[in-house]
C-alpha atoms as a PDB file:
ATOM      1  CA  MET A   1      12.350  12.222  17.438  1.00  0.00           C
ATOM      2  CA  SER A   2      15.749  11.904  18.647  1.00  0.00           C
ATOM      3  CA  GLY A   3      17.580   8.401  17.363  1.00  0.00           C
ATOM      4  CA  LEU A   4      14.963   8.400  14.647  1.00  0.00           C
ATOM      5  CA  ILE A   5      17.731   7.916  11.386  1.00  0.00           C
ATOM      6  CA  PRO A   6      19.865   5.780  13.492  1.00  0.00           C
ATOM      7  CA  LEU A   7      16.787   3.234  14.407  1.00  0.00           C
ATOM      8  CA  THR A   8      15.109   3.740  10.621  1.00  0.00           C
ATOM      9  CA  VAL A   9      18.698   2.612   8.931  1.00  0.00           C
ATOM     10  CA  ARG A  10      19.245  -0.239  11.138  1.00  0.00           C
ATOM     11  CA  GLU A  11      15.537  -1.738  10.169  1.00  0.00           C
ATOM     12  CA  LEU A  12      16.833  -0.983   6.611  1.00  0.00           C
ATOM     13  CA  LYS A  13      19.761  -2.973   7.064  1.00  0.00           C
ATOM     14  CA  LYS A  14      17.948  -5.808   8.885  1.00  0.00           C
ATOM     15  CA  TRP A  15      15.485  -6.021   5.494  1.00  0.00           C
ATOM     16  CA  TYR A  16      18.675  -6.074   2.853  1.00  0.00           C
ATOM     17  CA  ARG A  17      21.110  -7.936   5.011  1.00  0.00           C
ATOM     18  CA  ASN A  18      18.828 -11.269   5.213  1.00  0.00           C
ATOM     19  CA  PRO A  19      18.847 -12.656   1.429  1.00  0.00           C
ATOM     20  CA  VAL A  20      15.829 -14.278   2.126  1.00  0.00           C
ATOM     21  CA  PHE A  21      13.770 -11.370   3.157  1.00  0.00           C
ATOM     22  CA  PHE A  22      14.787  -9.323   0.621  1.00  0.00           C
ATOM     23  CA  PHE A  23      14.391 -11.099  -2.333  1.00  0.00           C
ATOM     24  CA  VAL A  24      10.879 -12.591  -1.306  1.00  0.00           C
ATOM     25  CA  GLY A  25       9.706  -8.579  -0.666  1.00  0.00           C
ATOM     26  CA  LEU A  26      11.446  -7.436  -4.298  1.00  0.00           C
ATOM     27  CA  ILE A  27       9.915 -10.638  -5.992  1.00  0.00           C
ATOM     28  CA  GLN A  28       6.643 -10.837  -4.384  1.00  0.00           C
ATOM     29  CA  PRO A  29       5.030  -7.945  -6.085  1.00  0.00           C
ATOM     30  CA  ILE A  30       6.137  -9.328  -9.570  1.00  0.00           C
ATOM     31  CA  PHE A  31       4.509 -12.404  -8.867  1.00  0.00           C
ATOM     32  CA  TRP A  32       1.078 -10.420  -7.972  1.00  0.00           C
ATOM     33  CA  ILE A  33       1.070  -8.787 -11.127  1.00  0.00           C
ATOM     34  CA  VAL A  34       2.226 -11.373 -13.442  1.00  0.00           C
ATOM     35  CA  LEU A  35       0.125 -14.524 -12.180  1.00  0.00           C
ATOM     36  CA  PHE A  36      -2.900 -12.354 -10.621  1.00  0.00           C
ATOM     37  CA  GLY A  37      -2.770  -9.368 -13.117  1.00  0.00           C
ATOM     38  CA  SER A  38      -2.840 -12.496 -16.429  1.00  0.00           C
ATOM     39  CA  ALA A  39      -5.802 -14.468 -14.827  1.00  0.00           C
ATOM     40  CA  PHE A  40      -8.310 -12.391 -16.575  1.00  0.00           C
ATOM     41  CA  ASP A  41      -7.671 -11.558 -20.228  1.00  0.00           C
ATOM     42  CA  LEU A  42     -10.319  -8.924 -20.802  1.00  0.00           C
ATOM     43  CA  ALA A  43     -10.774  -9.807 -24.930  1.00  0.00           C
ATOM     44  CA  LYS A  44     -12.075 -13.223 -23.932  1.00  0.00           C
ATOM     45  CA  LEU A  45     -14.399 -12.055 -21.531  1.00  0.00           C
ATOM     46  CA  LEU A  46     -15.623  -9.042 -23.118  1.00  0.00           C
ATOM     47  CA  GLY A  47     -14.209  -9.566 -26.633  1.00  0.00           C
ATOM     48  CA  THR A  48     -12.148  -7.026 -28.186  1.00  0.00           C
ATOM     49  CA  ALA A  49     -15.061  -4.736 -29.422  1.00  0.00           C
ATOM     50  CA  GLY A  50     -16.261  -4.734 -25.398  1.00  0.00           C
ATOM     51  CA  VAL A  51     -12.744  -3.394 -24.170  1.00  0.00           C
ATOM     52  CA  ASN A  52     -12.387  -0.649 -26.086  1.00  0.00           C
ATOM     53  CA  SER A  53     -16.362   0.070 -25.821  1.00  0.00           C
ATOM     54  CA  PRO A  54     -17.020   2.973 -23.092  1.00  0.00           C
ATOM     55  CA  LEU A  55     -19.465   0.769 -21.570  1.00  0.00           C
ATOM     56  CA  SER A  56     -17.481  -1.964 -20.832  1.00  0.00           C
ATOM     57  CA  PRO A  57     -17.057  -1.744 -16.579  1.00  0.00           C
ATOM     58  CA  PHE A  58     -12.972  -1.734 -17.053  1.00  0.00           C
ATOM     59  CA  TYR A  59     -13.069   1.268 -20.024  1.00  0.00           C
ATOM     60  CA  PRO A  60     -10.763   2.601 -20.750  1.00  0.00           C
ATOM     61  CA  ALA A  61      -8.022   0.058 -19.477  1.00  0.00           C
ATOM     62  CA  PRO A  62      -6.913  -2.039 -22.603  1.00  0.00           C
ATOM     63  CA  ASN A  63      -6.304  -5.115 -20.428  1.00  0.00           C
ATOM     64  CA  TYR A  64      -6.477  -6.276 -16.865  1.00  0.00           C
ATOM     65  CA  ILE A  65      -2.967  -5.549 -15.680  1.00  0.00           C
ATOM     66  CA  THR A  66      -3.475  -1.755 -16.619  1.00  0.00           C
ATOM     67  CA  PHE A  67      -6.684  -1.548 -14.596  1.00  0.00           C
ATOM     68  CA  ILE A  68      -5.275  -3.220 -11.216  1.00  0.00           C
ATOM     69  CA  ILE A  69      -1.869  -2.052 -11.129  1.00  0.00           C
ATOM     70  CA  GLY A  70      -3.335   0.409  -8.924  1.00  0.00           C
ATOM     71  CA  GLY A  71      -4.729  -1.835  -6.707  1.00  0.00           C
ATOM     72  CA  ILE A  72      -1.514  -4.225  -6.624  1.00  0.00           C
ATOM     73  CA  LEU A  73       0.664  -1.398  -5.651  1.00  0.00           C
ATOM     74  CA  THR A  74      -2.158  -0.717  -2.580  1.00  0.00           C
ATOM     75  CA  THR A  75      -2.125  -3.620  -1.378  1.00  0.00           C
ATOM     76  CA  THR A  76       1.362  -4.859  -1.511  1.00  0.00           C
ATOM     77  CA  SER A  77       1.710  -1.906   0.533  1.00  0.00           C
ATOM     78  CA  LEU A  78      -0.480  -2.898   2.921  1.00  0.00           C
ATOM     79  CA  PHE A  79       1.045  -6.480   3.517  1.00  0.00           C
ATOM     80  CA  THR A  80       4.352  -4.339   3.571  1.00  0.00           C
ATOM     81  CA  GLY A  81       3.370  -2.229   6.312  1.00  0.00           C
ATOM     82  CA  MET A  82       1.784  -4.931   8.247  1.00  0.00           C
ATOM     83  CA  PHE A  83       5.701  -5.456   9.443  1.00  0.00           C
ATOM     84  CA  ALA A  84       5.766  -2.277  10.669  1.00  0.00           C
ATOM     85  CA  GLY A  85       3.881  -3.660  13.617  1.00  0.00           C
ATOM     86  CA  VAL A  86       5.394  -7.305  13.490  1.00  0.00           C
ATOM     87  CA  ASN A  87       8.447  -6.062  13.728  1.00  0.00           C
ATOM     88  CA  ILE A  88       7.811  -4.470  17.227  1.00  0.00           C
ATOM     89  CA  ILE A  89       6.980  -7.777  18.546  1.00  0.00           C
ATOM     90  CA  TRP A  90      10.004  -9.546  17.379  1.00  0.00           C
ATOM     91  CA  ASP A  91      11.964  -6.634  18.827  1.00  0.00           C
ATOM     92  CA  ARG A  92       9.978  -7.337  22.231  1.00  0.00           C
ATOM     93  CA  ARG A  93      10.760 -11.499  22.135  1.00  0.00           C
ATOM     94  CA  LEU A  94      14.535 -10.744  20.768  1.00  0.00           C
ATOM     95  CA  GLY A  95      14.986  -8.114  23.371  1.00  0.00           C
ATOM     96  CA  PRO A  96      15.783  -5.266  21.596  1.00  0.00           C
ATOM     97  CA  MET A  97      13.210  -3.288  22.585  1.00  0.00           C
ATOM     98  CA  SER A  98      14.577  -3.317  26.394  1.00  0.00           C
ATOM     99  CA  ARG A  99      17.764  -1.488  25.545  1.00  0.00           C
ATOM    100  CA  PHE A 100      15.694   0.725  23.702  1.00  0.00           C
ATOM    101  CA  LEU A 101      13.734   1.755  26.369  1.00  0.00           C
ATOM    102  CA  VAL A 102      16.561   2.374  28.439  1.00  0.00           C
ATOM    103  CA  SER A 103      18.574   4.490  25.809  1.00  0.00           C
ATOM    104  CA  PRO A 104      18.002   8.414  25.370  1.00  0.00           C
ATOM    105  CA  ILE A 105      16.283   8.100  22.662  1.00  0.00           C
ATOM    106  CA  SER A 106      12.131   8.754  22.582  1.00  0.00           C
ATOM    107  CA  ARG A 107       9.988   5.996  22.443  1.00  0.00           C
ATOM    108  CA  SER A 108       7.972   7.466  19.488  1.00  0.00           C
ATOM    109  CA  SER A 109      11.102   6.519  16.790  1.00  0.00           C
ATOM    110  CA  ILE A 110      11.224   3.088  17.888  1.00  0.00           C
ATOM    111  CA  VAL A 111       8.336   2.974  15.794  1.00  0.00           C
ATOM    112  CA  PHE A 112       8.426   5.627  13.309  1.00  0.00           C
ATOM    113  CA  SER A 113      11.559   4.125  12.087  1.00  0.00           C
ATOM    114  CA  LYS A 114       9.356   1.223  11.282  1.00  0.00           C
ATOM    115  CA  VAL A 115       7.117   2.937   9.769  1.00  0.00           C
ATOM    116  CA  LEU A 116      10.173   4.962   7.634  1.00  0.00           C
ATOM    117  CA  SER A 117      11.456   1.355   6.291  1.00  0.00           C
ATOM    118  CA  SER A 118       8.341   0.335   5.825  1.00  0.00           C
ATOM    119  CA  THR A 119       7.612   2.945   3.195  1.00  0.00           C
ATOM    120  CA  PHE A 120      10.968   2.751   1.876  1.00  0.00           C
ATOM    121  CA  ARG A 121      10.435  -0.762   0.928  1.00  0.00           C
ATOM    122  CA  ILE A 122       7.039  -0.175  -0.344  1.00  0.00           C
ATOM    123  CA  LEU A 123       8.475   2.662  -3.213  1.00  0.00           C
ATOM    124  CA  VAL A 124      11.345   0.303  -4.205  1.00  0.00           C
ATOM    125  CA  GLN A 125       8.977  -2.655  -4.623  1.00  0.00           C
ATOM    126  CA  ALA A 126       6.576  -0.001  -6.406  1.00  0.00           C
ATOM    127  CA  VAL A 127       9.289   0.855  -8.603  1.00  0.00           C
ATOM    128  CA  ILE A 128      10.080  -3.058  -9.403  1.00  0.00           C
ATOM    129  CA  LEU A 129       6.409  -3.633  -9.921  1.00  0.00           C
ATOM    130  CA  ILE A 130       5.853  -1.174 -12.711  1.00  0.00           C
ATOM    131  CA  ALA A 131       8.546  -2.153 -14.350  1.00  0.00           C
ATOM    132  CA  ALA A 132       7.416  -5.655 -14.261  1.00  0.00           C
ATOM    133  CA  ALA A 133       4.340  -4.846 -15.489  1.00  0.00           C
ATOM    134  CA  LEU A 134       5.979  -2.798 -18.238  1.00  0.00           C
ATOM    135  CA  ILE A 135       7.983  -5.911 -19.468  1.00  0.00           C
ATOM    136  CA  ILE A 136       5.130  -8.509 -19.083  1.00  0.00           C
ATOM    137  CA  PRO A 137       3.348  -9.524 -22.421  1.00  0.00           C
ATOM    138  CA  ASN A 138      -0.109  -7.764 -22.244  1.00  0.00           C
ATOM    139  CA  GLY A 139       1.005  -5.880 -19.488  1.00  0.00           C
ATOM    140  CA  LEU A 140       0.761  -2.211 -18.379  1.00  0.00           C
ATOM    141  CA  VAL A 141      -0.029   0.272 -20.990  1.00  0.00           C
ATOM    142  CA  LEU A 142       0.683   4.096 -20.323  1.00  0.00           C
ATOM    143  CA  ARG A 143      -0.960   6.591 -22.438  1.00  0.00           C
ATOM    144  CA  LYS A 144       0.787   9.016 -24.229  1.00  0.00           C
ATOM    145  CA  GLY A 145       0.159  12.164 -21.864  1.00  0.00           C
ATOM    146  CA  PHE A 146       1.537  10.238 -19.092  1.00  0.00           C
ATOM    147  CA  ASN A 147       3.304  13.127 -16.940  1.00  0.00           C
ATOM    148  CA  VAL A 148       5.656  14.500 -13.728  1.00  0.00           C
ATOM    149  CA  PHE A 149       2.523  15.110 -12.355  1.00  0.00           C
ATOM    150  CA  ASP A 150       0.802  11.158 -12.777  1.00  0.00           C
ATOM    151  CA  VAL A 151       4.003  10.059 -11.045  1.00  0.00           C
ATOM    152  CA  PHE A 152       3.575  12.568  -8.584  1.00  0.00           C
ATOM    153  CA  VAL A 153       0.230  11.583  -7.455  1.00  0.00           C
ATOM    154  CA  ILE A 154       1.635   7.669  -7.486  1.00  0.00           C
ATOM    155  CA  VAL A 155       4.320   8.339  -5.317  1.00  0.00           C
ATOM    156  CA  VAL A 156       2.041  10.248  -2.655  1.00  0.00           C
ATOM    157  CA  ALA A 157      -0.580   7.931  -3.046  1.00  0.00           C
ATOM    158  CA  LEU A 158       1.781   5.391  -1.994  1.00  0.00           C
ATOM    159  CA  VAL A 159       3.488   7.055   0.630  1.00  0.00           C
ATOM    160  CA  LEU A 160      -0.268   8.290   2.725  1.00  0.00           C
ATOM    161  CA  ILE A 161      -1.139   4.588   2.627  1.00  0.00           C
ATOM    162  CA  ALA A 162       2.259   3.222   3.803  1.00  0.00           C
ATOM    163  CA  PHE A 163       2.222   5.471   6.738  1.00  0.00           C
ATOM    164  CA  SER A 164      -1.491   4.921   7.563  1.00  0.00           C
ATOM    165  CA  PHE A 165      -1.281   0.958   7.350  1.00  0.00           C
ATOM    166  CA  SER A 166       2.590   1.265   8.695  1.00  0.00           C
ATOM    167  CA  SER A 167       1.045   3.484  11.459  1.00  0.00           C
ATOM    168  CA  LEU A 168      -2.083   1.373  11.917  1.00  0.00           C
ATOM    169  CA  PHE A 169      -0.531  -1.636  12.307  1.00  0.00           C
ATOM    170  CA  SER A 170       1.563  -0.308  15.101  1.00  0.00           C
ATOM    171  CA  ILE A 171      -0.997   0.682  17.069  1.00  0.00           C
ATOM    172  CA  ILE A 172      -2.028  -2.912  17.001  1.00  0.00           C
ATOM    173  CA  ALA A 173       1.390  -4.003  18.423  1.00  0.00           C
ATOM    174  CA  ILE A 174       2.031  -1.729  20.908  1.00  0.00           C
ATOM    175  CA  ARG A 175       0.020  -2.909  23.370  1.00  0.00           C
ATOM    176  CA  LEU A 176       0.375  -6.824  22.207  1.00  0.00           C
ATOM    177  CA  ARG A 177       2.892  -8.967  23.033  1.00  0.00           C
ATOM    178  CA  LYS A 178       1.716 -12.755  21.378  1.00  0.00           C
ATOM    179  CA  MET A 179       2.593 -12.941  17.494  1.00  0.00           C
ATOM    180  CA  GLU A 180      -0.287 -15.211  16.869  1.00  0.00           C
ATOM    181  CA  THR A 181      -2.529 -12.268  18.123  1.00  0.00           C
ATOM    182  CA  VAL A 182      -1.198  -9.776  16.119  1.00  0.00           C
ATOM    183  CA  PHE A 183      -1.693 -11.603  12.605  1.00  0.00           C
ATOM    184  CA  GLY A 184      -4.996 -12.756  13.829  1.00  0.00           C
ATOM    185  CA  ILE A 185      -6.039  -9.003  14.003  1.00  0.00           C
ATOM    186  CA  ILE A 186      -4.017  -8.243  10.744  1.00  0.00           C
ATOM    187  CA  ASN A 187      -5.932 -11.227   8.934  1.00  0.00           C
ATOM    188  CA  LEU A 188      -9.119  -9.927  10.234  1.00  0.00           C
ATOM    189  CA  ILE A 189      -8.381  -6.328   8.876  1.00  0.00           C
ATOM    190  CA  ASN A 190      -6.805  -7.457   5.474  1.00  0.00           C
ATOM    191  CA  LEU A 191      -9.253  -9.168   3.326  1.00  0.00           C
ATOM    192  CA  PRO A 192     -11.973  -6.902   4.159  1.00  0.00           C
ATOM    193  CA  LEU A 193      -9.969  -3.985   3.038  1.00  0.00           C
ATOM    194  CA  ILE A 194      -9.161  -5.570   0.299  1.00  0.00           C
ATOM    195  CA  PHE A 195     -12.169  -7.474  -1.685  1.00  0.00           C
ATOM    196  CA  ALA A 196     -14.375  -4.676   0.034  1.00  0.00           C
ATOM    197  CA  SER A 197     -12.482  -2.131  -2.432  1.00  0.00           C
ATOM    198  CA  PHE A 198     -12.037  -0.745  -6.342  1.00  0.00           C
ATOM    199  CA  ALA A 199      -8.611  -2.362  -6.281  1.00  0.00           C
ATOM    200  CA  LEU A 200      -9.254  -5.526  -8.210  1.00  0.00           C
ATOM    201  CA  PHE A 201     -13.065  -4.482  -9.781  1.00  0.00           C
ATOM    202  CA  PRO A 202     -14.849  -1.909 -10.705  1.00  0.00           C
ATOM    203  CA  LYS A 203     -17.934  -0.687  -8.792  1.00  0.00           C
ATOM    204  CA  ALA A 204     -19.939  -1.689 -11.712  1.00  0.00           C
ATOM    205  CA  LEU A 205     -19.483  -5.062 -10.838  1.00  0.00           C
ATOM    206  CA  MET A 206     -19.738  -5.141  -7.304  1.00  0.00           C
ATOM    207  CA  ALA A 207     -22.792  -5.722  -4.872  1.00  0.00           C
ATOM    208  CA  SER A 208     -24.752  -2.220  -4.262  1.00  0.00           C
ATOM    209  CA  TRP A 209     -24.432  -2.348  -1.115  1.00  0.00           C
ATOM    210  CA  LEU A 210     -20.254  -3.247  -1.431  1.00  0.00           C
ATOM    211  CA  GLY A 211     -19.818  -1.085  -3.672  1.00  0.00           C
ATOM    212  CA  THR A 212     -21.328   1.426  -1.426  1.00  0.00           C
ATOM    213  CA  VAL A 213     -18.741   0.704   1.692  1.00  0.00           C
ATOM    214  CA  ALA A 214     -16.189   0.207  -0.834  1.00  0.00           C
ATOM    215  CA  GLU A 215     -16.003   3.998  -1.646  1.00  0.00           C
ATOM    216  CA  TYR A 216     -14.757   4.895   2.560  1.00  0.00           C
ATOM    217  CA  ASN A 217     -12.335   2.356   2.398  1.00  0.00           C
ATOM    218  CA  PRO A 218      -8.754   3.589   1.838  1.00  0.00           C
ATOM    219  CA  VAL A 219      -7.454   1.134  -0.526  1.00  0.00           C
ATOM    220  CA  SER A 220      -9.767   2.249  -2.987  1.00  0.00           C
ATOM    221  CA  TRP A 221      -9.024   5.799  -2.606  1.00  0.00           C
ATOM    222  CA  SER A 222      -5.276   4.991  -3.573  1.00  0.00           C
ATOM    223  CA  SER A 223      -6.294   2.561  -5.949  1.00  0.00           C
ATOM    224  CA  GLU A 224      -8.273   4.713  -8.138  1.00  0.00           C
ATOM    225  CA  ALA A 225      -6.127   8.051  -7.620  1.00  0.00           C
ATOM    226  CA  ILE A 226      -3.153   5.960  -9.110  1.00  0.00           C
ATOM    227  CA  ARG A 227      -5.359   3.969 -11.651  1.00  0.00           C
ATOM    228  CA  THR A 228      -6.931   7.344 -12.891  1.00  0.00           C
ATOM    229  CA  VAL A 229      -3.451   9.008 -13.643  1.00  0.00           C
ATOM    230  CA  LEU A 230      -2.411   5.601 -15.450  1.00  0.00           C
ATOM    231  CA  LEU A 231      -5.443   5.048 -17.549  1.00  0.00           C
ATOM    232  CA  TYR A 232      -5.885   8.910 -18.434  1.00  0.00           C
ATOM    233  CA  GLY A 233      -2.347  10.530 -18.440  1.00  0.00           C
ATOM    234  CA  ASN A 234      -3.399  14.402 -19.120  1.00  0.00           C
ATOM    235  CA  LEU A 235      -6.479  14.623 -16.501  1.00  0.00           C
ATOM    236  CA  THR A 236      -9.487  16.690 -16.929  1.00  0.00           C
ATOM    237  CA  SER A 237     -10.594  19.230 -14.790  1.00  0.00           C
ATOM    238  CA  SER A 238     -12.954  16.903 -13.088  1.00  0.00           C
ATOM    239  CA  GLN A 239     -10.420  13.820 -13.144  1.00  0.00           C
ATOM    240  CA  THR A 240      -8.047  16.180 -11.402  1.00  0.00           C
ATOM    241  CA  HIS A 241     -10.375  17.271  -8.866  1.00  0.00           C
ATOM    242  CA  SER A 242     -11.340  13.723  -7.920  1.00  0.00           C
ATOM    243  CA  VAL A 243      -7.264  12.818  -7.428  1.00  0.00           C
ATOM    244  CA  LEU A 244      -6.519  15.395  -5.234  1.00  0.00           C
ATOM    245  CA  LEU A 245      -9.619  14.836  -3.353  1.00  0.00           C
ATOM    246  CA  TYR A 246      -8.525  11.056  -3.174  1.00  0.00           C
ATOM    247  CA  LEU A 247      -5.270  12.732  -2.016  1.00  0.00           C
ATOM    248  CA  LEU A 248      -6.903  14.477   0.536  1.00  0.00           C
ATOM    249  CA  TYR A 249      -8.878  12.029   2.523  1.00  0.00           C
ATOM    250  CA  LEU A 250      -5.508   9.779   2.505  1.00  0.00           C
ATOM    251  CA  GLY A 251      -3.960  12.605   3.965  1.00  0.00           C
ATOM    252  CA  LEU A 252      -6.201  12.773   6.768  1.00  0.00           C
ATOM    253  CA  LEU A 253      -6.326   9.660   7.192  1.00  0.00           C
ATOM    254  CA  ALA A 254      -2.138   9.232   7.468  1.00  0.00           C
ATOM    255  CA  THR A 255      -2.496  12.096   9.551  1.00  0.00           C
ATOM    256  CA  PHE A 256      -4.750  11.031  11.737  1.00  0.00           C
ATOM    257  CA  LEU A 257      -2.950   7.718  12.518  1.00  0.00           C
ATOM    258  CA  VAL A 258       0.759   8.701  12.640  1.00  0.00           C
ATOM    259  CA  VAL A 259      -0.599  11.760  15.678  1.00  0.00           C
ATOM    260  CA  LEU A 260      -2.350   8.393  17.282  1.00  0.00           C
ATOM    261  CA  THR A 261       0.867   6.617  16.883  1.00  0.00           C
ATOM    262  CA  TYR A 262       3.002   9.172  18.649  1.00  0.00           C
ATOM    263  CA  ILE A 263       0.568   9.474  21.432  1.00  0.00           C
ATOM    264  CA  LEU A 264       0.248   6.071  22.200  1.00  0.00           C
ATOM    265  CA  SER A 265       3.940   4.818  21.499  1.00  0.00           C
ATOM    266  CA  GLU A 266       4.987   7.620  23.704  1.00  0.00           C
ATOM    267  CA  LYS A 267       2.351   6.907  26.665  1.00  0.00           C
ATOM    268  CA  GLU A 268       1.750   2.936  26.192  1.00  0.00           C
ATOM    269  CA  ILE A 269       5.130   0.983  24.828  1.00  0.00           C
ATOM    270  CA  ARG A 270       6.492  -1.157  26.748  1.00  0.00           C
ATOM    271  CA  ASP A 271       8.920  -4.160  26.969  1.00  0.00           C
END
């Protein structure tokens, strides 16, 4: 894909050269974890003994922030990924798209530069989010057995979910021209993906039918993979199998959406 690297650098420059967009993108994840993560005090909800009990639906999380950090990382990826599609619409409106289409670069590079830049922004936000969660009172608690494999799982899960959502929203934007239509579809997709998942609550607290639906939600796969390594550290063989299975599902989804994005961008993208 010719022109991919220069176009990706262009997208990143647009990000860090816009002070408002840059700092909002960095601070927003902190608001998520500080405000929403602190909204539920498990000790008050379940009692101190209830938090530490294996019967607790949040077990073995010592607090709600530790439980939802995987979900917050994933939903942050969801919101950041949608801008890959939004930026395609902006390029059409402001004129760069017409210049790209007559230049000697592949059309897929135009789209994948936005996917790659979104993925980079998500990883930066994830580092800031985890750091903030570790600092705030009653925040993220890492197990003593937390290791390099656990970090690897977190990074891979975020990269795969970033590619999936960025590609998905790019597919939506390739043929659409109206910003209002794009945002309408994005909102229609975002809310079910978040609330019909295990990002914020365990399956035990959900309606049975909703819990079944959530099992097939990629937001759940990413959230559960990250949550498992954060809550347990050194994983058992069954836990490792579950985590790798979640990553496999995410990998298959990301591969499918990336290939579909490539095909549609080469054939369908236009000024």
